[in-house]
Amino acid sequence: MKVERVQTGVRLEKKLLKVLKAVAELRDMSLGDLLEGIVLHAFENRALFSTETLAAIAEFRRIYGLELTLADAHHMSESAPEDGCDDPS
């Protein structure tokens, strides 16, 4: 299916982005493709990740120190980047 994609300036929590990039790399896809898949699955209330991918995500969370959970989703506030740079790579 042909779609029209646009560049966006979405801001994400730094460690969450690192985990997402690692998952995209694991699945050999772009970050944008991964995010589209996550959103489309969520819109239809469908599970996206296999047991194996969920295990890898748990390991990536540990590696990158991502402690945020679903319970934190609506309770986060912005803080200034520690290094003064918005790029987490």
C-alpha atoms as a PDB file:
ATOM      1  CA  MET A   1       0.000   0.000   0.000  1.00  0.00           C
ATOM      2  CA  LYS A   2       1.351   3.428  -0.898  1.00  0.00           C
ATOM      3  CA  VAL A   3       1.386   5.973   1.927  1.00  0.00           C
ATOM      4  CA  GLU A   4       2.585   9.550   2.296  1.00  0.00           C
ATOM      5  CA  ARG A   5       5.100   9.949   5.104  1.00  0.00           C
ATOM      6  CA  VAL A   6       6.107  13.254   6.680  1.00  0.00           C
ATOM      7  CA  GLN A   7       9.100  14.238   8.768  1.00  0.00           C
ATOM      8  CA  THR A   8       8.140  14.973  12.367  1.00  0.00           C
ATOM      9  CA  GLY A   9       9.805  16.564  15.340  1.00  0.00           C
ATOM     10  CA  VAL A  10       8.497  14.157  17.991  1.00  0.00           C
ATOM     11  CA  ARG A  11      10.347  14.330  21.300  1.00  0.00           C
ATOM     12  CA  LEU A  12      10.762  11.105  23.283  1.00  0.00           C
ATOM     13  CA  GLU A  13      12.316  10.204  26.603  1.00  0.00           C
ATOM     14  CA  LYS A  14      16.005   9.516  25.991  1.00  0.00           C
ATOM     15  CA  LYS A  15      16.247   5.961  27.355  1.00  0.00           C
ATOM     16  CA  LEU A  16      12.945   4.977  25.757  1.00  0.00           C
ATOM     17  CA  LEU A  17      14.297   6.117  22.398  1.00  0.00           C
ATOM     18  CA  LYS A  18      17.459   4.064  22.872  1.00  0.00           C
ATOM     19  CA  VAL A  19      15.379   0.944  23.562  1.00  0.00           C
ATOM     20  CA  LEU A  20      13.151   1.643  20.538  1.00  0.00           C
ATOM     21  CA  LYS A  21      16.211   2.062  18.295  1.00  0.00           C
ATOM     22  CA  ALA A  22      17.622  -1.234  19.605  1.00  0.00           C
ATOM     23  CA  VAL A  23      14.329  -3.038  18.904  1.00  0.00           C
ATOM     24  CA  ALA A  24      14.179  -1.559  15.405  1.00  0.00           C
ATOM     25  CA  GLU A  25      17.744  -2.738  14.770  1.00  0.00           C
ATOM     26  CA  LEU A  26      16.913  -6.198  16.143  1.00  0.00           C
ATOM     27  CA  ARG A  27      13.976  -6.467  13.756  1.00  0.00           C
ATOM     28  CA  ASP A  28      15.999  -4.969  10.872  1.00  0.00           C
ATOM     29  CA  MET A  29      13.614  -2.076  10.337  1.00  0.00           C
ATOM     30  CA  SER A  30      13.653   1.690  10.620  1.00  0.00           C
ATOM     31  CA  LEU A  31      12.566   3.443  13.783  1.00  0.00           C
ATOM     32  CA  GLY A  32       9.686   5.024  11.850  1.00  0.00           C
ATOM     33  CA  ASP A  33       8.474   1.632  10.606  1.00  0.00           C
ATOM     34  CA  LEU A  34       8.624   0.244  14.155  1.00  0.00           C
ATOM     35  CA  LEU A  35       6.646   3.188  15.553  1.00  0.00           C
ATOM     36  CA  GLU A  36       4.027   2.882  12.806  1.00  0.00           C
ATOM     37  CA  GLY A  37       3.643  -0.810  13.613  1.00  0.00           C
ATOM     38  CA  ILE A  38       3.331  -0.146  17.345  1.00  0.00           C
ATOM     39  CA  VAL A  39       0.665   2.502  16.793  1.00  0.00           C
ATOM     40  CA  LEU A  40      -1.340   0.463  14.277  1.00  0.00           C
ATOM     41  CA  HIS A  41      -1.320  -2.552  16.615  1.00  0.00           C
ATOM     42  CA  ALA A  42      -2.338  -0.354  19.570  1.00  0.00           C
ATOM     43  CA  PHE A  43      -5.205   1.194  17.567  1.00  0.00           C
ATOM     44  CA  GLU A  44      -6.602  -2.313  17.040  1.00  0.00           C
ATOM     45  CA  ASN A  45      -5.784  -3.469  20.597  1.00  0.00           C
ATOM     46  CA  ARG A  46      -3.478  -6.199  19.272  1.00  0.00           C
ATOM     47  CA  ALA A  47      -0.223  -7.503  20.703  1.00  0.00           C
ATOM     48  CA  LEU A  48       2.808  -6.655  18.573  1.00  0.00           C
ATOM     49  CA  PHE A  49       5.831  -8.410  20.033  1.00  0.00           C
ATOM     50  CA  SER A  50       6.632 -12.110  20.285  1.00  0.00           C
ATOM     51  CA  THR A  51       7.826 -13.664  23.526  1.00  0.00           C
ATOM     52  CA  GLU A  52      11.374 -13.607  22.167  1.00  0.00           C
ATOM     53  CA  THR A  53      11.189  -9.911  21.242  1.00  0.00           C
ATOM     54  CA  LEU A  54       9.717  -9.067  24.656  1.00  0.00           C
ATOM     55  CA  ALA A  55      12.687 -10.838  26.285  1.00  0.00           C
ATOM     56  CA  ALA A  56      15.063  -8.778  24.135  1.00  0.00           C
ATOM     57  CA  ILE A  57      13.187  -5.597  25.084  1.00  0.00           C
ATOM     58  CA  ALA A  58      13.565  -6.478  28.774  1.00  0.00           C
ATOM     59  CA  GLU A  59      17.312  -6.844  28.217  1.00  0.00           C
ATOM     60  CA  PHE A  60      17.525  -3.546  26.298  1.00  0.00           C
ATOM     61  CA  ARG A  61      15.617  -1.848  29.141  1.00  0.00           C
ATOM     62  CA  ARG A  62      18.185  -3.210  31.597  1.00  0.00           C
ATOM     63  CA  ILE A  63      21.144  -2.200  29.416  1.00  0.00           C
ATOM     64  CA  TYR A  64      19.878   1.359  28.914  1.00  0.00           C
ATOM     65  CA  GLY A  65      18.465   1.782  32.432  1.00  0.00           C
ATOM     66  CA  LEU A  66      14.875   2.338  31.283  1.00  0.00           C
ATOM     67  CA  GLU A  67      12.760   2.129  34.424  1.00  0.00           C
ATOM     68  CA  LEU A  68       9.633   3.857  33.084  1.00  0.00           C
ATOM     69  CA  THR A  69       6.475   1.745  33.003  1.00  0.00           C
ATOM     70  CA  LEU A  70       2.939   2.189  31.742  1.00  0.00           C
ATOM     71  CA  ALA A  71       2.059   3.649  35.163  1.00  0.00           C
ATOM     72  CA  ASP A  72       4.445   6.540  34.427  1.00  0.00           C
ATOM     73  CA  ALA A  73       2.860   7.403  31.055  1.00  0.00           C
ATOM     74  CA  HIS A  74       0.816  10.387  32.212  1.00  0.00           C
ATOM     75  CA  HIS A  75       3.078  11.512  35.067  1.00  0.00           C
ATOM     76  CA  MET A  76       6.304  12.502  33.295  1.00  0.00           C
ATOM     77  CA  SER A  77       7.598  16.049  33.128  1.00  0.00           C
ATOM     78  CA  GLU A  78      10.309  17.559  30.968  1.00  0.00           C
ATOM     79  CA  SER A  79      13.786  18.186  32.329  1.00  0.00           C
ATOM     80  CA  ALA A  80      16.752  19.812  30.630  1.00  0.00           C
ATOM     81  CA  PRO A  81      19.179  17.385  28.935  1.00  0.00           C
ATOM     82  CA  GLU A  82      22.182  16.695  31.172  1.00  0.00           C
ATOM     83  CA  ASP A  83      24.683  17.275  28.370  1.00  0.00           C
ATOM     84  CA  GLY A  84      22.846  20.191  26.777  1.00  0.00           C
ATOM     85  CA  CYS A  85      22.142  18.141  23.658  1.00  0.00           C
ATOM     86  CA  ASP A  86      18.809  16.684  22.517  1.00  0.00           C
ATOM     87  CA  ASP A  87      20.411  13.921  20.415  1.00  0.00           C
ATOM     88  CA  PRO A  88      20.524  10.640  22.398  1.00  0.00           C
ATOM     89  CA  SER A  89      22.761   8.834  19.897  1.00  0.00           C
END
